[in-house]
Amino acid sequence: TTSSTTTTIPFHHHPKSNKPTPPLFHQKMSSPKQRIILAMSGGVDSSVAALLLSRKYPPNSSPTTTSSSPRVVLNALHMSNWVTSDEDSSSPYCVGSERDARDAQSVCDILGLGSLHRVSFAAEYWNGVFEPFVDGYVSGRTPNPDG
């Protein structure tokens, strides 16, 4: 059986840059631990990266006792750049961000990484990437949509 629990993380503003950041990055950890954030898209590349990291740093291993070899904590994170309700699920071009998140959670379940943390950058993507792309296209330029 797989656990399909996901958590949506609200944003906080970074104290120095005032940019929104999820609290996952602000959680303090008692030493000797290190945190690796795995960006999980639900695709093959991020899944293989997660597999390799989980082999190197097994998620269920007990903490080491020496301070020279800290325990590594793996956290999986899925970033959504689109509002799912805006997608036309009947379109063959629909990426399906919810399906991607489910696929990423399935990989986390198989590798024992626990819950997939989810953050939404939909507003930032719309304003900073999609609208400039459309504006460039309309004005006759050939923009790079994710550049």
N, C-alpha and C. Protein backbone atom coordinates (compact mmCIF):
# COMPACT_ATOMS: atom_id res chain seq x y z
N THR A 1 0.85 -1.19 0.00
CA THR A 1 0.00 0.00 0.00
C THR A 1 0.88 1.24 0.00
N THR A 2 0.37 2.29 -0.61
CA THR A 2 1.13 3.53 -0.66
C THR A 2 0.36 4.62 0.05
N SER A 3 1.12 5.52 0.66
CA SER A 3 0.47 6.67 1.30
C SER A 3 0.49 7.82 0.32
N SER A 4 -0.66 8.35 0.03
CA SER A 4 -0.74 9.42 -0.95
C SER A 4 -0.92 10.78 -0.28
N THR A 5 -0.46 10.88 0.96
CA THR A 5 -0.60 12.15 1.65
C THR A 5 0.42 13.16 1.14
N THR A 6 -0.06 14.32 0.82
CA THR A 6 0.83 15.41 0.44
C THR A 6 0.47 16.61 1.28
N THR A 7 1.45 17.44 1.50
CA THR A 7 1.20 18.64 2.27
C THR A 7 1.50 19.85 1.41
N THR A 8 0.64 20.84 1.47
CA THR A 8 0.90 22.09 0.78
C THR A 8 1.52 23.04 1.78
N ILE A 9 2.65 23.61 1.41
CA ILE A 9 3.40 24.44 2.32
C ILE A 9 3.13 25.91 2.02
N PRO A 10 2.64 26.67 3.00
CA PRO A 10 2.44 28.10 2.77
C PRO A 10 3.79 28.81 2.71
N PHE A 11 3.83 29.93 2.03
CA PHE A 11 5.08 30.65 1.88
C PHE A 11 5.30 31.66 2.98
N HIS A 12 6.55 31.87 3.31
CA HIS A 12 6.98 32.92 4.21
C HIS A 12 7.98 33.76 3.42
N HIS A 13 8.20 34.99 3.82
CA HIS A 13 9.16 35.82 3.12
C HIS A 13 10.53 35.66 3.75
N HIS A 14 11.54 35.45 2.88
CA HIS A 14 12.91 35.31 3.34
C HIS A 14 13.35 36.61 3.98
N PRO A 15 14.00 36.56 5.14
CA PRO A 15 14.32 37.79 5.86
C PRO A 15 15.26 38.73 5.11
N LYS A 16 16.15 38.20 4.27
CA LYS A 16 17.10 39.07 3.58
C LYS A 16 16.59 39.55 2.23
N SER A 17 16.04 38.65 1.43
CA SER A 17 15.63 39.01 0.07
C SER A 17 14.15 39.40 -0.02
N ASN A 18 13.37 39.12 1.03
CA ASN A 18 11.92 39.34 1.05
C ASN A 18 11.19 38.54 -0.03
N LYS A 19 11.85 37.50 -0.55
CA LYS A 19 11.21 36.61 -1.51
C LYS A 19 10.49 35.50 -0.75
N PRO A 20 9.36 35.03 -1.30
CA PRO A 20 8.64 33.97 -0.59
C PRO A 20 9.42 32.67 -0.62
N THR A 21 9.50 32.02 0.53
CA THR A 21 10.14 30.72 0.64
C THR A 21 9.31 29.83 1.54
N PRO A 22 9.19 28.55 1.21
CA PRO A 22 8.41 27.66 2.07
C PRO A 22 9.14 27.41 3.38
N PRO A 23 8.41 27.18 4.48
CA PRO A 23 9.03 26.99 5.78
C PRO A 23 9.89 25.74 5.87
N LEU A 24 9.76 24.82 4.92
CA LEU A 24 10.60 23.62 4.91
C LEU A 24 12.07 24.02 4.96
N PHE A 25 12.41 25.12 4.32
CA PHE A 25 13.79 25.56 4.26
C PHE A 25 14.23 26.26 5.53
N HIS A 26 13.28 26.62 6.39
CA HIS A 26 13.61 27.33 7.61
C HIS A 26 13.62 26.44 8.84
N GLN A 27 13.26 25.17 8.67
CA GLN A 27 13.21 24.28 9.82
C GLN A 27 14.62 24.07 10.36
N LYS A 28 14.78 24.28 11.66
CA LYS A 28 16.08 24.06 12.27
C LYS A 28 16.24 22.59 12.59
N MET A 29 17.42 22.09 12.37
CA MET A 29 17.70 20.69 12.64
C MET A 29 18.81 20.62 13.67
N SER A 30 18.65 19.73 14.61
CA SER A 30 19.72 19.56 15.58
C SER A 30 20.88 18.84 14.91
N SER A 31 22.06 19.25 15.19
CA SER A 31 23.21 18.62 14.58
C SER A 31 23.39 17.24 15.20
N PRO A 32 24.00 16.30 14.61
CA PRO A 32 24.71 16.45 13.34
C PRO A 32 23.87 15.96 12.16
N LYS A 33 23.05 16.80 11.59
CA LYS A 33 22.21 16.43 10.46
C LYS A 33 22.40 17.43 9.33
N GLN A 34 22.21 16.94 8.13
CA GLN A 34 22.18 17.78 6.94
C GLN A 34 20.89 17.47 6.21
N ARG A 35 20.38 18.45 5.49
CA ARG A 35 19.14 18.26 4.74
C ARG A 35 19.44 18.40 3.25
N ILE A 36 18.88 17.46 2.48
CA ILE A 36 18.92 17.55 1.03
C ILE A 36 17.48 17.67 0.56
N ILE A 37 17.18 18.71 -0.20
CA ILE A 37 15.85 18.90 -0.76
C ILE A 37 15.88 18.30 -2.17
N LEU A 38 15.05 17.30 -2.41
CA LEU A 38 14.95 16.66 -3.72
C LEU A 38 13.81 17.32 -4.49
N ALA A 39 14.12 17.97 -5.58
CA ALA A 39 13.08 18.55 -6.43
C ALA A 39 12.50 17.42 -7.27
N MET A 40 11.25 17.06 -7.01
CA MET A 40 10.61 15.93 -7.66
C MET A 40 9.54 16.41 -8.64
N SER A 41 9.77 16.20 -9.93
CA SER A 41 8.79 16.61 -10.94
C SER A 41 7.76 15.53 -11.21
N GLY A 42 8.11 14.30 -10.89
CA GLY A 42 7.26 13.17 -11.24
C GLY A 42 7.79 12.46 -12.48
N GLY A 43 8.85 13.00 -13.06
CA GLY A 43 9.45 12.43 -14.27
C GLY A 43 10.62 11.51 -13.95
N VAL A 44 11.22 10.99 -15.01
CA VAL A 44 12.30 10.01 -14.89
C VAL A 44 13.55 10.61 -14.26
N ASP A 45 13.97 11.79 -14.70
CA ASP A 45 15.24 12.36 -14.23
C ASP A 45 15.24 12.56 -12.71
N SER A 46 14.19 13.22 -12.19
CA SER A 46 14.16 13.47 -10.75
C SER A 46 13.96 12.18 -9.97
N SER A 47 13.26 11.22 -10.55
CA SER A 47 13.05 9.93 -9.88
C SER A 47 14.35 9.16 -9.75
N VAL A 48 15.16 9.18 -10.80
CA VAL A 48 16.46 8.50 -10.76
C VAL A 48 17.39 9.21 -9.78
N ALA A 49 17.36 10.55 -9.77
CA ALA A 49 18.17 11.30 -8.80
C ALA A 49 17.76 10.94 -7.38
N ALA A 50 16.47 10.82 -7.13
CA ALA A 50 15.98 10.43 -5.81
C ALA A 50 16.44 9.02 -5.45
N LEU A 51 16.39 8.11 -6.41
CA LEU A 51 16.84 6.74 -6.18
C LEU A 51 18.32 6.73 -5.79
N LEU A 52 19.14 7.45 -6.55
CA LEU A 52 20.58 7.46 -6.27
C LEU A 52 20.87 8.09 -4.90
N LEU A 53 20.19 9.18 -4.58
CA LEU A 53 20.41 9.80 -3.27
C LEU A 53 19.90 8.92 -2.13
N SER A 54 18.78 8.23 -2.35
CA SER A 54 18.26 7.36 -1.29
C SER A 54 19.16 6.14 -1.07
N ARG A 55 19.87 5.74 -2.11
CA ARG A 55 20.85 4.66 -1.94
C ARG A 55 22.07 5.15 -1.17
N LYS A 56 22.48 6.38 -1.46
CA LYS A 56 23.65 6.95 -0.79
C LYS A 56 23.32 7.31 0.66
N TYR A 57 22.12 7.83 0.89
CA TYR A 57 21.67 8.24 2.22
C TYR A 57 20.33 7.56 2.52
N PRO A 58 20.35 6.30 2.92
CA PRO A 58 19.09 5.57 3.16
C PRO A 58 18.20 6.34 4.14
N PRO A 59 16.93 6.57 3.75
CA PRO A 59 16.04 7.38 4.58
C PRO A 59 15.72 6.81 5.95
N ASN A 60 15.76 5.50 6.12
CA ASN A 60 15.39 4.91 7.41
C ASN A 60 16.58 4.48 8.24
N SER A 61 17.77 4.94 7.86
CA SER A 61 18.94 4.55 8.64
C SER A 61 18.99 5.34 9.94
N SER A 62 19.59 4.74 10.93
CA SER A 62 19.68 5.43 12.22
C SER A 62 20.78 6.48 12.16
N PRO A 63 20.66 7.52 12.98
CA PRO A 63 21.68 8.57 12.98
C PRO A 63 23.03 8.01 13.41
N THR A 64 24.07 8.57 12.84
CA THR A 64 25.41 8.13 13.21
C THR A 64 25.77 8.74 14.55
N THR A 65 26.73 8.16 15.19
CA THR A 65 27.10 8.63 16.52
C THR A 65 28.29 9.56 16.49
N THR A 66 29.01 9.63 15.40
CA THR A 66 30.18 10.51 15.34
C THR A 66 29.81 11.82 14.66
N SER A 67 30.38 12.89 15.15
CA SER A 67 30.08 14.20 14.57
C SER A 67 30.77 14.40 13.23
N SER A 68 31.75 13.54 12.90
CA SER A 68 32.45 13.70 11.63
C SER A 68 31.64 13.16 10.45
N SER A 69 30.62 12.34 10.69
CA SER A 69 29.78 11.83 9.61
C SER A 69 28.31 12.08 9.94
N PRO A 70 27.81 13.26 9.59
CA PRO A 70 26.44 13.61 9.98
C PRO A 70 25.39 12.80 9.24
N ARG A 71 24.25 12.64 9.87
CA ARG A 71 23.10 11.99 9.26
C ARG A 71 22.51 12.95 8.23
N VAL A 72 22.10 12.42 7.11
CA VAL A 72 21.51 13.23 6.05
C VAL A 72 20.02 12.93 5.99
N VAL A 73 19.21 13.99 5.97
CA VAL A 73 17.77 13.86 5.88
C VAL A 73 17.35 14.27 4.48
N LEU A 74 16.61 13.40 3.80
CA LEU A 74 16.13 13.69 2.45
C LEU A 74 14.68 14.15 2.53
N ASN A 75 14.39 15.29 1.92
CA ASN A 75 13.02 15.81 1.82
C ASN A 75 12.68 15.98 0.36
N ALA A 76 11.53 15.45 -0.05
CA ALA A 76 11.09 15.56 -1.44
C ALA A 76 10.13 16.74 -1.58
N LEU A 77 10.31 17.51 -2.64
CA LEU A 77 9.52 18.72 -2.87
C LEU A 77 9.03 18.74 -4.31
N HIS A 78 7.74 18.99 -4.48
CA HIS A 78 7.15 19.11 -5.83
C HIS A 78 6.67 20.54 -6.01
N MET A 79 7.09 21.16 -7.09
CA MET A 79 6.74 22.54 -7.39
C MET A 79 5.68 22.56 -8.49
N SER A 80 4.54 23.20 -8.20
CA SER A 80 3.49 23.35 -9.22
C SER A 80 3.59 24.76 -9.79
N ASN A 81 3.58 24.84 -11.11
CA ASN A 81 3.66 26.14 -11.78
C ASN A 81 2.36 26.53 -12.46
N TRP A 82 1.32 25.75 -12.24
CA TRP A 82 0.06 25.99 -12.94
C TRP A 82 -1.09 25.66 -12.02
N VAL A 83 -2.20 26.30 -12.21
CA VAL A 83 -3.40 25.99 -11.43
C VAL A 83 -4.12 24.85 -12.14
N THR A 84 -4.28 23.75 -11.44
CA THR A 84 -4.85 22.55 -12.04
C THR A 84 -6.23 22.80 -12.63
N SER A 85 -7.03 23.62 -11.97
CA SER A 85 -8.39 23.87 -12.48
C SER A 85 -8.37 24.62 -13.81
N ASP A 86 -7.24 25.24 -14.16
CA ASP A 86 -7.12 25.93 -15.45
C ASP A 86 -6.77 24.99 -16.59
N GLU A 87 -6.43 23.74 -16.29
CA GLU A 87 -6.01 22.79 -17.30
C GLU A 87 -7.22 22.11 -17.94
N ASP A 88 -7.10 21.86 -19.23
CA ASP A 88 -8.13 21.13 -19.96
C ASP A 88 -7.71 19.66 -19.96
N SER A 89 -8.29 18.88 -19.07
CA SER A 89 -7.86 17.49 -18.92
C SER A 89 -8.12 16.65 -20.16
N SER A 90 -8.96 17.11 -21.08
CA SER A 90 -9.22 16.35 -22.30
C SER A 90 -8.18 16.63 -23.38
N SER A 91 -7.37 17.67 -23.19
CA SER A 91 -6.37 18.03 -24.19
C SER A 91 -5.20 17.06 -24.15
N PRO A 92 -4.71 16.62 -25.33
CA PRO A 92 -3.53 15.75 -25.34
C PRO A 92 -2.27 16.52 -24.94
N TYR A 93 -2.33 17.84 -24.88
CA TYR A 93 -1.18 18.66 -24.53
C TYR A 93 -1.16 19.03 -23.06
N CYS A 94 -2.16 18.58 -22.32
CA CYS A 94 -2.26 18.89 -20.90
C CYS A 94 -1.23 18.07 -20.13
N VAL A 95 -0.36 18.74 -19.42
CA VAL A 95 0.69 18.06 -18.67
C VAL A 95 0.11 17.31 -17.47
N GLY A 96 -0.84 17.89 -16.81
CA GLY A 96 -1.46 17.22 -15.67
C GLY A 96 -0.62 17.32 -14.42
N SER A 97 -0.57 18.50 -13.81
CA SER A 97 0.29 18.70 -12.65
C SER A 97 -0.11 17.81 -11.47
N GLU A 98 -1.38 17.52 -11.31
CA GLU A 98 -1.80 16.61 -10.24
C GLU A 98 -1.28 15.20 -10.51
N ARG A 99 -1.31 14.77 -11.75
CA ARG A 99 -0.77 13.45 -12.10
C ARG A 99 0.73 13.41 -11.82
N ASP A 100 1.43 14.51 -12.16
CA ASP A 100 2.87 14.58 -11.89
C ASP A 100 3.14 14.48 -10.40
N ALA A 101 2.33 15.18 -9.59
CA ALA A 101 2.51 15.13 -8.14
C ALA A 101 2.24 13.72 -7.60
N ARG A 102 1.22 13.06 -8.13
CA ARG A 102 0.94 11.67 -7.71
C ARG A 102 2.09 10.75 -8.08
N ASP A 103 2.65 10.95 -9.29
CA ASP A 103 3.80 10.13 -9.71
C ASP A 103 4.99 10.37 -8.78
N ALA A 104 5.24 11.63 -8.44
CA ALA A 104 6.35 11.96 -7.55
C ALA A 104 6.11 11.34 -6.17
N GLN A 105 4.88 11.38 -5.66
CA GLN A 105 4.57 10.78 -4.36
C GLN A 105 4.76 9.26 -4.42
N SER A 106 4.41 8.65 -5.55
CA SER A 106 4.61 7.20 -5.69
C SER A 106 6.08 6.84 -5.59
N VAL A 107 6.93 7.64 -6.21
CA VAL A 107 8.38 7.40 -6.11
C VAL A 107 8.83 7.55 -4.66
N CYS A 108 8.34 8.58 -3.98
CA CYS A 108 8.67 8.78 -2.56
C CYS A 108 8.24 7.59 -1.72
N ASP A 109 7.04 7.06 -2.01
CA ASP A 109 6.54 5.90 -1.28
C ASP A 109 7.44 4.68 -1.50
N ILE A 110 7.81 4.44 -2.74
CA ILE A 110 8.64 3.28 -3.08
C ILE A 110 10.01 3.37 -2.42
N LEU A 111 10.57 4.60 -2.38
CA LEU A 111 11.92 4.79 -1.84
C LEU A 111 11.92 5.04 -0.32
N GLY A 112 10.74 5.12 0.28
CA GLY A 112 10.66 5.34 1.72
C GLY A 112 10.99 6.76 2.14
N LEU A 113 10.74 7.72 1.27
CA LEU A 113 11.07 9.12 1.57
C LEU A 113 9.98 9.85 2.34
N GLY A 114 8.83 9.24 2.52
CA GLY A 114 7.75 9.88 3.25
C GLY A 114 6.92 10.79 2.38
N SER A 115 6.27 11.75 3.01
CA SER A 115 5.36 12.64 2.29
C SER A 115 6.10 13.60 1.37
N LEU A 116 5.48 13.85 0.26
CA LEU A 116 5.98 14.81 -0.72
C LEU A 116 5.49 16.19 -0.29
N HIS A 117 6.40 17.12 -0.12
CA HIS A 117 6.03 18.50 0.20
C HIS A 117 5.72 19.20 -1.12
N ARG A 118 4.63 19.95 -1.13
CA ARG A 118 4.22 20.63 -2.37
C ARG A 118 4.19 22.13 -2.17
N VAL A 119 4.73 22.83 -3.15
CA VAL A 119 4.68 24.30 -3.15
C VAL A 119 4.12 24.75 -4.49
N SER A 120 3.41 25.86 -4.47
CA SER A 120 2.84 26.39 -5.69
C SER A 120 3.54 27.69 -6.06
N PHE A 121 4.05 27.73 -7.27
CA PHE A 121 4.62 28.94 -7.84
C PHE A 121 3.76 29.41 -9.00
N ALA A 122 2.47 29.08 -8.97
CA ALA A 122 1.57 29.40 -10.09
C ALA A 122 1.52 30.90 -10.37
N ALA A 123 1.37 31.72 -9.35
CA ALA A 123 1.29 33.17 -9.56
C ALA A 123 2.62 33.71 -10.08
N GLU A 124 3.72 33.25 -9.49
CA GLU A 124 5.04 33.71 -9.94
C GLU A 124 5.31 33.27 -11.38
N TYR A 125 4.92 32.04 -11.72
CA TYR A 125 5.12 31.54 -13.07
C TYR A 125 4.26 32.32 -14.07
N TRP A 126 3.01 32.55 -13.71
CA TRP A 126 2.11 33.29 -14.60
C TRP A 126 2.66 34.69 -14.87
N ASN A 127 3.02 35.40 -13.81
CA ASN A 127 3.47 36.78 -13.94
C ASN A 127 4.88 36.93 -14.49
N GLY A 128 5.76 36.04 -14.10
CA GLY A 128 7.16 36.19 -14.47
C GLY A 128 7.61 35.43 -15.69
N VAL A 129 6.82 34.42 -16.11
CA VAL A 129 7.23 33.59 -17.25
C VAL A 129 6.16 33.58 -18.35
N PHE A 130 4.93 33.19 -17.98
CA PHE A 130 3.91 32.98 -19.00
C PHE A 130 3.48 34.28 -19.69
N GLU A 131 3.14 35.32 -18.90
CA GLU A 131 2.73 36.58 -19.51
C GLU A 131 3.83 37.20 -20.36
N PRO A 132 5.09 37.25 -19.91
CA PRO A 132 6.15 37.77 -20.78
C PRO A 132 6.32 36.94 -22.06
N PHE A 133 6.12 35.62 -21.95
CA PHE A 133 6.18 34.76 -23.13
C PHE A 133 5.11 35.16 -24.15
N VAL A 134 3.86 35.29 -23.68
CA VAL A 134 2.77 35.65 -24.57
C VAL A 134 3.00 37.04 -25.16
N ASP A 135 3.42 38.00 -24.33
CA ASP A 135 3.70 39.36 -24.83
C ASP A 135 4.77 39.34 -25.91
N GLY A 136 5.82 38.57 -25.70
CA GLY A 136 6.88 38.47 -26.70
C GLY A 136 6.39 37.84 -27.99
N TYR A 137 5.60 36.81 -27.86
CA TYR A 137 5.05 36.11 -29.02
C TYR A 137 4.15 37.03 -29.83
N VAL A 138 3.28 37.77 -29.13
CA VAL A 138 2.35 38.68 -29.79
C VAL A 138 3.10 39.80 -30.51
N SER A 139 4.23 40.24 -29.94
CA SER A 139 4.98 41.33 -30.57
C SER A 139 5.95 40.83 -31.64
N GLY A 140 5.90 39.56 -31.98
CA GLY A 140 6.68 39.03 -33.11
C GLY A 140 8.02 38.45 -32.73
N ARG A 141 8.35 38.41 -31.45
CA ARG A 141 9.61 37.80 -31.04
C ARG A 141 9.39 36.31 -30.83
N THR A 142 10.47 35.56 -30.79
CA THR A 142 10.40 34.14 -30.49
C THR A 142 10.97 33.95 -29.10
N PRO A 143 10.11 34.04 -28.08
CA PRO A 143 10.61 33.97 -26.70
C PRO A 143 10.90 32.55 -26.27
N ASN A 144 11.75 32.44 -25.27
CA ASN A 144 12.03 31.19 -24.60
C ASN A 144 11.08 31.11 -23.42
N PRO A 145 10.10 30.20 -23.41
CA PRO A 145 9.07 30.22 -22.39
C PRO A 145 9.59 30.01 -20.96
N ASP A 146 10.63 29.27 -20.80
CA ASP A 146 11.15 29.01 -19.45
C ASP A 146 12.57 29.53 -19.28
N GLY A 147 12.93 30.53 -20.06
CA GLY A 147 14.31 31.04 -20.02
C GLY A 147 14.58 32.09 -19.03
